[in-house]
Amino acid sequence: TYARPVGTELVCKKHPSCSGLPQTWNYIHDRFIAYLATHAPLDRNGNVPRQEENRERWKSEEIARLVMERFPEIGRYYQIKVSMIEKRLALLDQAENDYFKMPYGAYASEEWGRGI
């Protein structure tokens, strides 16, 4: 019988939909892309935008670009494609995790979480 993989097993590069991600990809990158996919960009003053629930979320193209900018260990050596981000988000959405439930500012203390 088939057992759906959960948790860190999803990061396995042997999984067909993750084969394009670099070996250095880990749960921090997963948290980053899940956060961006579920949050609207902050306003010019760095605040949560008014009527946030009606605002457009980060686009996959922007997420792929930000991964390469915010994580030099990936951006220097790899080209992250939009399809990789979308496949990874779909996998994470099926997994049992809290990645998509983080509030605004949850990662503000992380270097990679500034301004998002």
N, C-alpha and C. Protein backbone atom coordinates (compact mmCIF):
# COMPACT_ATOMS: atom_id res chain seq x y z
N THR A 1 0.83 -1.19 0.00
CA THR A 1 0.00 0.00 0.00
C THR A 1 0.87 1.24 0.00
N TYR A 2 0.30 2.30 -0.54
CA TYR A 2 1.02 3.56 -0.63
C TYR A 2 0.86 4.34 0.66
N ALA A 3 1.97 4.83 1.20
CA ALA A 3 1.93 5.68 2.38
C ALA A 3 2.43 7.06 1.98
N ARG A 4 1.59 8.06 2.13
CA ARG A 4 1.97 9.41 1.75
C ARG A 4 3.10 9.90 2.64
N PRO A 5 4.20 10.39 2.06
CA PRO A 5 5.31 10.89 2.88
C PRO A 5 4.90 12.17 3.60
N VAL A 6 5.41 12.34 4.82
CA VAL A 6 5.13 13.54 5.59
C VAL A 6 6.42 14.09 6.18
N GLY A 7 6.35 15.33 6.63
CA GLY A 7 7.48 15.93 7.33
C GLY A 7 8.74 16.00 6.52
N THR A 8 9.85 15.73 7.17
CA THR A 8 11.16 15.89 6.52
C THR A 8 11.38 14.90 5.38
N GLU A 9 10.59 13.84 5.33
CA GLU A 9 10.74 12.89 4.22
C GLU A 9 10.46 13.56 2.88
N LEU A 10 9.67 14.63 2.89
CA LEU A 10 9.36 15.34 1.66
C LEU A 10 10.57 16.04 1.07
N VAL A 11 11.59 16.29 1.87
CA VAL A 11 12.77 17.00 1.40
C VAL A 11 13.69 16.10 0.59
N CYS A 12 13.45 14.83 0.64
CA CYS A 12 14.30 13.86 -0.05
C CYS A 12 14.44 14.21 -1.53
N LYS A 13 15.68 14.37 -1.99
CA LYS A 13 15.88 14.72 -3.39
C LYS A 13 15.53 13.59 -4.33
N LYS A 14 15.32 12.40 -3.80
CA LYS A 14 14.95 11.27 -4.65
C LYS A 14 13.49 11.32 -5.04
N HIS A 15 12.71 12.15 -4.32
CA HIS A 15 11.30 12.29 -4.67
C HIS A 15 11.22 12.96 -6.03
N PRO A 16 10.48 12.42 -6.98
CA PRO A 16 10.47 12.94 -8.35
C PRO A 16 10.20 14.43 -8.47
N SER A 17 9.29 14.96 -7.69
CA SER A 17 8.95 16.37 -7.85
C SER A 17 9.98 17.29 -7.21
N CYS A 18 10.92 16.74 -6.49
CA CYS A 18 11.95 17.57 -5.84
C CYS A 18 13.31 17.39 -6.49
N SER A 19 13.42 16.62 -7.52
CA SER A 19 14.72 16.30 -8.09
C SER A 19 15.46 17.52 -8.62
N GLY A 20 14.75 18.59 -8.95
CA GLY A 20 15.41 19.78 -9.47
C GLY A 20 15.95 20.71 -8.40
N LEU A 21 15.55 20.51 -7.15
CA LEU A 21 16.03 21.38 -6.09
C LEU A 21 17.46 21.02 -5.71
N PRO A 22 18.25 22.02 -5.32
CA PRO A 22 19.64 21.75 -4.96
C PRO A 22 19.76 20.92 -3.69
N GLN A 23 20.87 20.26 -3.52
CA GLN A 23 21.11 19.42 -2.35
C GLN A 23 21.10 20.23 -1.06
N THR A 24 21.41 21.51 -1.15
CA THR A 24 21.45 22.36 0.03
C THR A 24 20.06 22.80 0.50
N TRP A 25 19.01 22.45 -0.24
CA TRP A 25 17.64 22.84 0.12
C TRP A 25 17.25 22.16 1.43
N ASN A 26 16.64 22.93 2.34
CA ASN A 26 16.24 22.35 3.62
C ASN A 26 14.94 22.98 4.13
N TYR A 27 14.59 22.67 5.37
CA TYR A 27 13.33 23.13 5.94
C TYR A 27 13.25 24.66 6.04
N ILE A 28 14.37 25.35 6.15
CA ILE A 28 14.34 26.81 6.21
C ILE A 28 13.82 27.37 4.89
N HIS A 29 14.29 26.81 3.79
CA HIS A 29 13.83 27.24 2.48
C HIS A 29 12.34 26.93 2.31
N ASP A 30 11.93 25.76 2.82
CA ASP A 30 10.51 25.40 2.77
C ASP A 30 9.66 26.40 3.54
N ARG A 31 10.11 26.77 4.73
CA ARG A 31 9.38 27.75 5.54
C ARG A 31 9.30 29.09 4.82
N PHE A 32 10.39 29.49 4.20
CA PHE A 32 10.45 30.76 3.49
C PHE A 32 9.44 30.80 2.34
N ILE A 33 9.42 29.80 1.50
CA ILE A 33 8.52 29.83 0.35
C ILE A 33 7.05 29.69 0.79
N ALA A 34 6.79 28.91 1.83
CA ALA A 34 5.42 28.77 2.33
C ALA A 34 4.93 30.09 2.91
N TYR A 35 5.80 30.78 3.63
CA TYR A 35 5.44 32.07 4.21
C TYR A 35 5.09 33.07 3.11
N LEU A 36 5.96 33.16 2.11
CA LEU A 36 5.70 34.10 1.01
C LEU A 36 4.42 33.76 0.26
N ALA A 37 4.15 32.48 0.07
CA ALA A 37 2.97 32.06 -0.67
C ALA A 37 1.67 32.40 0.05
N THR A 38 1.74 32.59 1.37
CA THR A 38 0.53 32.83 2.14
C THR A 38 0.42 34.24 2.71
N HIS A 39 1.38 35.11 2.40
CA HIS A 39 1.37 36.47 2.93
C HIS A 39 1.48 37.50 1.81
N ALA A 40 0.79 38.61 2.00
CA ALA A 40 0.92 39.72 1.06
C ALA A 40 2.21 40.48 1.37
N PRO A 41 2.83 41.07 0.37
CA PRO A 41 4.02 41.89 0.65
C PRO A 41 3.66 43.03 1.61
N LEU A 42 4.61 43.41 2.44
CA LEU A 42 4.41 44.51 3.38
C LEU A 42 4.31 45.83 2.61
N ASP A 43 3.71 46.84 3.23
CA ASP A 43 3.60 48.13 2.57
C ASP A 43 4.95 48.86 2.61
N ARG A 44 4.99 50.07 2.09
CA ARG A 44 6.25 50.83 1.99
C ARG A 44 6.89 51.10 3.34
N ASN A 45 6.07 51.14 4.40
CA ASN A 45 6.57 51.40 5.74
C ASN A 45 6.94 50.13 6.50
N GLY A 46 6.82 48.98 5.83
CA GLY A 46 7.15 47.71 6.47
C GLY A 46 6.04 47.18 7.35
N ASN A 47 4.83 47.65 7.14
CA ASN A 47 3.68 47.20 7.92
C ASN A 47 2.80 46.25 7.12
N VAL A 48 2.01 45.47 7.85
CA VAL A 48 1.04 44.60 7.19
C VAL A 48 0.05 45.51 6.48
N PRO A 49 -0.20 45.25 5.19
CA PRO A 49 -1.10 46.15 4.44
C PRO A 49 -2.53 46.11 4.97
N ARG A 50 -3.22 47.24 4.82
CA ARG A 50 -4.63 47.29 5.20
C ARG A 50 -5.41 46.32 4.32
N GLN A 51 -6.43 45.76 4.89
CA GLN A 51 -7.25 44.76 4.19
C GLN A 51 -6.36 43.67 3.59
N GLU A 52 -5.46 43.19 4.40
CA GLU A 52 -4.47 42.18 3.98
C GLU A 52 -5.12 40.99 3.32
N GLU A 53 -6.25 40.56 3.82
CA GLU A 53 -6.90 39.37 3.28
C GLU A 53 -7.32 39.53 1.82
N ASN A 54 -7.41 40.77 1.34
CA ASN A 54 -7.78 41.03 -0.05
C ASN A 54 -6.57 41.31 -0.94
N ARG A 55 -5.41 41.35 -0.37
CA ARG A 55 -4.20 41.69 -1.14
C ARG A 55 -3.64 40.46 -1.84
N GLU A 56 -3.00 40.74 -2.97
CA GLU A 56 -2.37 39.66 -3.73
C GLU A 56 -1.15 39.15 -2.98
N ARG A 57 -0.93 37.86 -3.02
CA ARG A 57 0.22 37.23 -2.37
C ARG A 57 1.44 37.32 -3.28
N TRP A 58 2.60 36.95 -2.75
CA TRP A 58 3.80 36.91 -3.58
C TRP A 58 3.58 35.94 -4.72
N LYS A 59 4.02 36.29 -5.90
CA LYS A 59 3.90 35.42 -7.08
C LYS A 59 5.05 34.43 -7.08
N SER A 60 4.83 33.30 -7.73
CA SER A 60 5.86 32.26 -7.79
C SER A 60 7.16 32.78 -8.38
N GLU A 61 7.06 33.66 -9.38
CA GLU A 61 8.26 34.24 -9.99
C GLU A 61 9.05 35.05 -8.96
N GLU A 62 8.32 35.80 -8.14
CA GLU A 62 8.97 36.61 -7.12
C GLU A 62 9.58 35.73 -6.03
N ILE A 63 8.90 34.66 -5.69
CA ILE A 63 9.41 33.73 -4.68
C ILE A 63 10.71 33.10 -5.16
N ALA A 64 10.73 32.64 -6.40
CA ALA A 64 11.95 32.03 -6.96
C ALA A 64 13.10 33.02 -6.94
N ARG A 65 12.83 34.27 -7.31
CA ARG A 65 13.87 35.32 -7.31
C ARG A 65 14.36 35.59 -5.88
N LEU A 66 13.43 35.69 -4.94
CA LEU A 66 13.80 35.98 -3.56
C LEU A 66 14.61 34.85 -2.92
N VAL A 67 14.29 33.61 -3.27
CA VAL A 67 15.08 32.49 -2.74
C VAL A 67 16.53 32.65 -3.14
N MET A 68 16.76 32.99 -4.40
CA MET A 68 18.13 33.13 -4.88
C MET A 68 18.82 34.36 -4.29
N GLU A 69 18.05 35.42 -3.99
CA GLU A 69 18.63 36.63 -3.40
C GLU A 69 18.93 36.46 -1.91
N ARG A 70 17.99 35.87 -1.20
CA ARG A 70 18.10 35.79 0.27
C ARG A 70 18.97 34.64 0.75
N PHE A 71 19.18 33.67 -0.12
CA PHE A 71 20.00 32.51 0.27
C PHE A 71 21.16 32.37 -0.72
N PRO A 72 22.27 33.05 -0.44
CA PRO A 72 23.40 33.03 -1.37
C PRO A 72 23.95 31.64 -1.66
N GLU A 73 23.82 30.72 -0.69
CA GLU A 73 24.31 29.35 -0.92
C GLU A 73 23.53 28.66 -2.04
N ILE A 74 22.38 29.18 -2.37
CA ILE A 74 21.59 28.66 -3.49
C ILE A 74 21.76 29.56 -4.70
N GLY A 75 21.57 30.86 -4.52
CA GLY A 75 21.60 31.80 -5.62
C GLY A 75 22.88 31.87 -6.40
N ARG A 76 24.01 31.61 -5.73
CA ARG A 76 25.31 31.65 -6.41
C ARG A 76 25.50 30.48 -7.37
N TYR A 77 24.89 29.36 -7.03
CA TYR A 77 25.20 28.14 -7.77
C TYR A 77 24.03 27.52 -8.52
N TYR A 78 22.81 27.93 -8.22
CA TYR A 78 21.64 27.27 -8.80
C TYR A 78 20.65 28.29 -9.34
N GLN A 79 19.92 27.88 -10.34
CA GLN A 79 18.82 28.66 -10.89
C GLN A 79 17.54 27.98 -10.42
N ILE A 80 16.79 28.64 -9.54
CA ILE A 80 15.55 28.09 -9.05
C ILE A 80 14.44 28.50 -10.00
N LYS A 81 13.76 27.54 -10.55
CA LYS A 81 12.70 27.81 -11.52
C LYS A 81 11.34 27.89 -10.83
N VAL A 82 10.43 28.59 -11.47
CA VAL A 82 9.08 28.76 -10.95
C VAL A 82 8.41 27.39 -10.76
N SER A 83 8.63 26.49 -11.69
CA SER A 83 8.01 25.16 -11.59
C SER A 83 8.50 24.41 -10.35
N MET A 84 9.76 24.61 -9.97
CA MET A 84 10.28 23.96 -8.76
C MET A 84 9.56 24.49 -7.52
N ILE A 85 9.37 25.79 -7.47
CA ILE A 85 8.68 26.41 -6.33
C ILE A 85 7.25 25.91 -6.26
N GLU A 86 6.56 25.89 -7.37
CA GLU A 86 5.16 25.47 -7.37
C GLU A 86 4.99 24.01 -6.99
N LYS A 87 5.88 23.15 -7.47
CA LYS A 87 5.82 21.73 -7.10
C LYS A 87 6.11 21.54 -5.62
N ARG A 88 7.10 22.30 -5.13
CA ARG A 88 7.46 22.18 -3.73
C ARG A 88 6.33 22.66 -2.83
N LEU A 89 5.70 23.77 -3.18
CA LEU A 89 4.58 24.28 -2.40
C LEU A 89 3.42 23.28 -2.38
N ALA A 90 3.18 22.63 -3.51
CA ALA A 90 2.11 21.62 -3.56
C ALA A 90 2.42 20.46 -2.63
N LEU A 91 3.67 20.03 -2.61
CA LEU A 91 4.07 18.95 -1.70
C LEU A 91 3.93 19.37 -0.24
N LEU A 92 4.41 20.56 0.06
CA LEU A 92 4.33 21.04 1.44
C LEU A 92 2.88 21.19 1.90
N ASP A 93 2.02 21.57 0.98
CA ASP A 93 0.61 21.73 1.30
C ASP A 93 -0.03 20.40 1.68
N GLN A 94 0.47 19.32 1.13
CA GLN A 94 -0.06 17.98 1.43
C GLN A 94 0.51 17.41 2.73
N ALA A 95 1.62 17.96 3.16
CA ALA A 95 2.31 17.42 4.34
C ALA A 95 1.71 17.96 5.63
N GLU A 96 1.99 17.27 6.69
CA GLU A 96 1.56 17.72 8.01
C GLU A 96 2.64 18.63 8.57
N ASN A 97 2.40 19.93 8.51
CA ASN A 97 3.35 20.91 9.02
C ASN A 97 2.59 22.21 9.32
N ASP A 98 3.29 23.15 9.93
CA ASP A 98 2.68 24.44 10.25
C ASP A 98 3.23 25.56 9.37
N TYR A 99 3.89 25.22 8.30
CA TYR A 99 4.57 26.20 7.47
C TYR A 99 3.63 27.29 6.94
N PHE A 100 2.40 26.93 6.62
CA PHE A 100 1.46 27.88 6.02
C PHE A 100 0.65 28.64 7.07
N LYS A 101 0.91 28.39 8.33
CA LYS A 101 0.12 29.00 9.40
C LYS A 101 0.87 30.06 10.19
N MET A 102 2.03 30.44 9.76
CA MET A 102 2.86 31.39 10.50
C MET A 102 2.29 32.80 10.36
N PRO A 103 2.27 33.56 11.46
CA PRO A 103 1.74 34.94 11.40
C PRO A 103 2.75 35.90 10.77
N TYR A 104 2.26 37.07 10.39
CA TYR A 104 3.15 38.10 9.88
C TYR A 104 4.24 38.38 10.91
N GLY A 105 5.46 38.56 10.44
CA GLY A 105 6.57 38.88 11.32
C GLY A 105 7.20 37.68 12.01
N ALA A 106 6.72 36.48 11.72
CA ALA A 106 7.23 35.28 12.39
C ALA A 106 8.73 35.09 12.19
N TYR A 107 9.24 35.53 11.06
CA TYR A 107 10.65 35.33 10.76
C TYR A 107 11.43 36.65 10.71
N ALA A 108 10.88 37.69 11.30
CA ALA A 108 11.52 39.01 11.25
C ALA A 108 12.91 39.02 11.89
N SER A 109 13.16 38.12 12.82
CA SER A 109 14.48 38.09 13.47
C SER A 109 15.53 37.33 12.66
N GLU A 110 15.09 36.63 11.63
CA GLU A 110 16.01 35.92 10.75
C GLU A 110 16.52 36.86 9.67
N GLU A 111 17.77 36.71 9.29
CA GLU A 111 18.33 37.56 8.24
C GLU A 111 17.52 37.45 6.96
N TRP A 112 17.09 36.25 6.62
CA TRP A 112 16.34 36.03 5.39
C TRP A 112 14.88 36.47 5.52
N GLY A 113 14.44 36.80 6.72
CA GLY A 113 13.04 37.18 6.94
C GLY A 113 12.80 38.68 7.01
N ARG A 114 13.84 39.46 6.78
CA ARG A 114 13.68 40.92 6.86
C ARG A 114 12.76 41.44 5.77
N GLY A 115 11.83 42.30 6.17
CA GLY A 115 11.00 42.99 5.19
C GLY A 115 9.96 42.17 4.48
N ILE A 116 9.70 40.98 4.96
CA ILE A 116 8.66 40.19 4.33
C ILE A 116 7.54 40.01 5.32
